Each structure stands twice: as C-alpha cells, then as structure tokens.
Amino acid sequence: MAEVFAGFVVGYALALVLSPMAAIGIVRSNDRTGFAQRFAPEGTNVVALAVVLHFAAMLLFTALGMILGTALAGLEDRRPDSGLGSPNLFYTVLVLVLMAVVVIPTIVVPAVRRFALAGALIFAAAFGWVMPWLAEAAP
C-alpha cells in the first residue's frame, strides 16, 4: 500500500510543478505555434490556464502514479533486487522503457524536442527513482 500512496504523492508533486511551467510555456509560444494559438488565444490569463492544466495533470499523474505504484508493489514481491541507484532495478528499467516508448516518437518534431526530453528526464527521475525510495521510507 505504501507504493501506491508514494505513486499518488509523486504524481501530485509533478502536477504541482509542471502545470505552471506548461502554462507559461504555452502562453510564451503563442506567437510561434498554431497549437498554442488554438489552445490559449491571445490575452489568455496564465493563472487560469495553469489551474486548468493543474486539474488535468493532477488527474493524469496521480492515476499514473497509482498504477506504477501497483506495479512496484507487485515487483517488490517477485524481484526485490536493487540497482541503478534504485531499490528495485526491474521497476526502474520498466519506467525507463515506458518513458522511451512515449518520448522517442515525439523527438522527431523539432518544436517539442526540447520539452519532450526535459519531461522525460523529470518523469524518469520522479517515477523511476524518487517513488521507490519514498515507498521504501514509509513505515
């Protein structure tokens, strides 16, 4: 149960950190990309956009964290080996593979390449390393 709660906490922390950054990035790129112009037209309030993005990110990242927490709980019983700086090597490799499957197709688009790589590093650090250590630190 500690793994699922750790996934929820890490997912919520990611939503808190990434939502304002995404809102600022979308509003700043409003003059360069068509997606930003459709998603946040000229004059969009950054705070209002951040609230909307936070609500969506909170639902997405906490659900993903709880699913990954369930996977971590299952893998702790079967493969509790440590490695790569994580208490569970197999789980960390699973998160890295999941991240690669999602991010590699987005690297092709030059407009989002930098954001995709930064998001991939944050995702891998948060769910691949912080979450197992947080679950292990639980009483």
Protein backbone atom coordinates (compact mmCIF):
# COMPACT_ATOMS: atom_id res chain seq x y z
CA MET A 1 0.00 0.00 0.00
CA ALA A 2 2.94 2.34 0.61
CA GLU A 3 3.95 2.03 -3.04
CA VAL A 4 0.53 3.14 -4.29
CA PHE A 5 0.47 6.11 -1.92
CA ALA A 6 4.03 7.03 -2.95
CA GLY A 7 2.89 6.99 -6.58
CA PHE A 8 -0.01 9.29 -5.72
CA VAL A 9 2.27 11.72 -3.88
CA VAL A 10 4.87 11.80 -6.65
CA GLY A 11 2.15 12.26 -9.28
CA TYR A 12 0.61 15.13 -7.35
CA ALA A 13 4.01 16.77 -6.87
CA LEU A 14 4.65 16.54 -10.61
CA ALA A 15 1.28 18.14 -11.30
CA LEU A 16 2.09 20.98 -8.89
CA VAL A 17 5.46 21.66 -10.51
CA LEU A 18 4.70 21.09 -14.18
CA SER A 19 1.34 22.85 -14.53
CA PRO A 20 2.59 26.43 -14.08
CA MET A 21 5.62 25.69 -16.24
CA ALA A 22 3.42 24.31 -19.01
CA ALA A 23 1.04 27.28 -18.81
CA ILE A 24 3.88 29.77 -19.08
CA GLY A 25 5.43 27.82 -21.95
CA ILE A 26 2.14 27.69 -23.87
CA VAL A 27 1.45 31.39 -23.43
CA ARG A 28 5.01 32.35 -24.39
CA SER A 29 4.93 30.21 -27.53
CA ASN A 30 1.59 31.67 -28.58
CA ASP A 31 3.14 33.72 -31.38
CA ARG A 32 5.16 30.81 -32.84
CA THR A 33 2.94 27.72 -32.90
CA GLY A 34 -0.55 27.09 -34.17
CA PHE A 35 -1.38 24.71 -31.31
CA ALA A 36 -0.72 27.37 -28.68
CA GLN A 37 -2.80 29.89 -30.62
CA ARG A 38 -5.76 27.49 -30.66
CA PHE A 39 -5.28 26.23 -27.10
CA ALA A 40 -4.60 29.60 -25.45
CA PRO A 41 -5.57 32.52 -27.68
CA GLU A 42 -4.04 35.96 -27.31
CA GLY A 43 -4.88 37.50 -23.93
CA THR A 44 -5.30 34.20 -22.05
CA ASN A 45 -4.69 34.55 -18.34
CA VAL A 46 -1.70 32.42 -17.32
CA VAL A 47 -3.11 31.71 -13.86
CA ALA A 48 -6.43 30.48 -15.25
CA LEU A 49 -4.62 28.29 -17.77
CA ALA A 50 -2.38 26.92 -15.01
CA VAL A 51 -5.43 25.99 -12.93
CA VAL A 52 -7.00 24.11 -15.83
CA LEU A 53 -3.72 22.37 -16.66
CA HIS A 54 -3.17 21.53 -12.99
CA PHE A 55 -6.56 19.86 -12.72
CA ALA A 56 -5.90 17.74 -15.81
CA ALA A 57 -2.31 16.96 -14.78
CA MET A 58 -3.41 16.08 -11.26
CA LEU A 59 -5.87 13.50 -12.56
CA LEU A 60 -3.41 12.10 -15.10
CA PHE A 61 -0.24 11.98 -12.99
CA THR A 62 -1.86 10.72 -9.79
CA ALA A 63 -3.63 7.93 -11.70
CA LEU A 64 -0.40 7.05 -13.49
CA GLY A 65 1.48 7.14 -10.18
CA MET A 66 -1.02 4.81 -8.55
CA ILE A 67 -0.77 2.38 -11.48
CA LEU A 68 3.02 2.48 -11.32
CA GLY A 69 2.80 2.08 -7.54
CA THR A 70 0.75 -1.07 -8.02
CA ALA A 71 3.38 -2.34 -10.45
CA LEU A 72 6.12 -1.52 -7.94
CA ALA A 73 4.26 -3.38 -5.19
CA GLY A 74 3.94 -6.43 -7.42
CA LEU A 75 7.58 -6.30 -8.46
CA GLU A 76 8.78 -5.88 -4.87
CA ASP A 77 7.35 -9.31 -4.09
CA ARG A 78 8.89 -11.01 -7.13
CA ARG A 79 12.12 -9.12 -7.93
CA PRO A 80 13.39 -7.05 -5.00
CA ASP A 81 16.89 -6.57 -6.46
CA SER A 82 18.41 -3.11 -6.25
CA GLY A 83 20.47 -1.35 -8.90
CA LEU A 84 20.91 1.88 -10.89
CA GLY A 85 20.52 3.80 -7.64
CA SER A 86 17.03 2.41 -7.07
CA PRO A 87 15.77 -0.11 -4.54
CA ASN A 88 14.14 -2.09 -7.38
CA LEU A 89 16.16 -2.40 -10.59
CA PHE A 90 13.46 -4.14 -12.63
CA TYR A 91 10.88 -1.45 -11.81
CA THR A 92 13.28 1.37 -12.74
CA VAL A 93 14.06 -0.30 -16.07
CA LEU A 94 10.31 -0.69 -16.65
CA VAL A 95 9.79 3.05 -16.08
CA LEU A 96 12.71 3.93 -18.38
CA VAL A 97 11.31 1.71 -21.14
CA LEU A 98 7.83 3.22 -20.71
CA MET A 99 9.32 6.70 -20.89
CA ALA A 100 11.31 5.83 -24.02
CA VAL A 101 8.26 4.39 -25.78
CA VAL A 102 6.33 7.60 -25.17
CA VAL A 103 9.13 10.11 -25.82
CA ILE A 104 11.03 8.69 -28.80
CA PRO A 105 8.23 9.39 -31.31
CA THR A 106 7.96 13.00 -30.11
CA ILE A 107 11.67 13.68 -30.63
CA VAL A 108 11.02 13.72 -34.39
CA VAL A 109 9.11 17.01 -34.08
CA PRO A 110 11.70 19.80 -33.64
CA ALA A 111 9.25 22.18 -31.93
CA VAL A 112 8.70 19.88 -28.96
CA ARG A 113 12.03 18.04 -28.85
CA ARG A 114 13.48 20.10 -26.01
CA PHE A 115 10.30 19.92 -23.91
CA ALA A 116 9.93 16.17 -24.55
CA LEU A 117 13.47 15.44 -23.40
CA ALA A 118 13.09 17.62 -20.30
CA GLY A 119 9.77 15.97 -19.47
CA ALA A 120 11.29 12.54 -19.97
CA LEU A 121 14.11 13.27 -17.54
CA ILE A 122 11.69 14.62 -14.94
CA PHE A 123 9.37 11.63 -15.41
CA ALA A 124 12.23 9.13 -15.11
CA ALA A 125 13.66 10.80 -12.02
CA ALA A 126 10.32 11.16 -10.27
CA PHE A 127 8.71 7.81 -11.02
CA GLY A 128 11.86 5.72 -11.56
CA TRP A 129 13.93 6.77 -8.57
CA VAL A 130 12.05 9.04 -6.14
CA MET A 131 8.94 6.88 -5.96
CA PRO A 132 10.69 3.61 -4.97
CA TRP A 133 12.77 5.39 -2.33
CA LEU A 134 9.68 7.15 -0.98
CA ALA A 135 7.81 3.85 -0.78
CA GLU A 136 10.74 2.22 0.96
CA ALA A 137 10.96 5.05 3.51
CA ALA A 138 7.32 4.57 4.55
CA PRO A 139 6.79 2.95 7.97
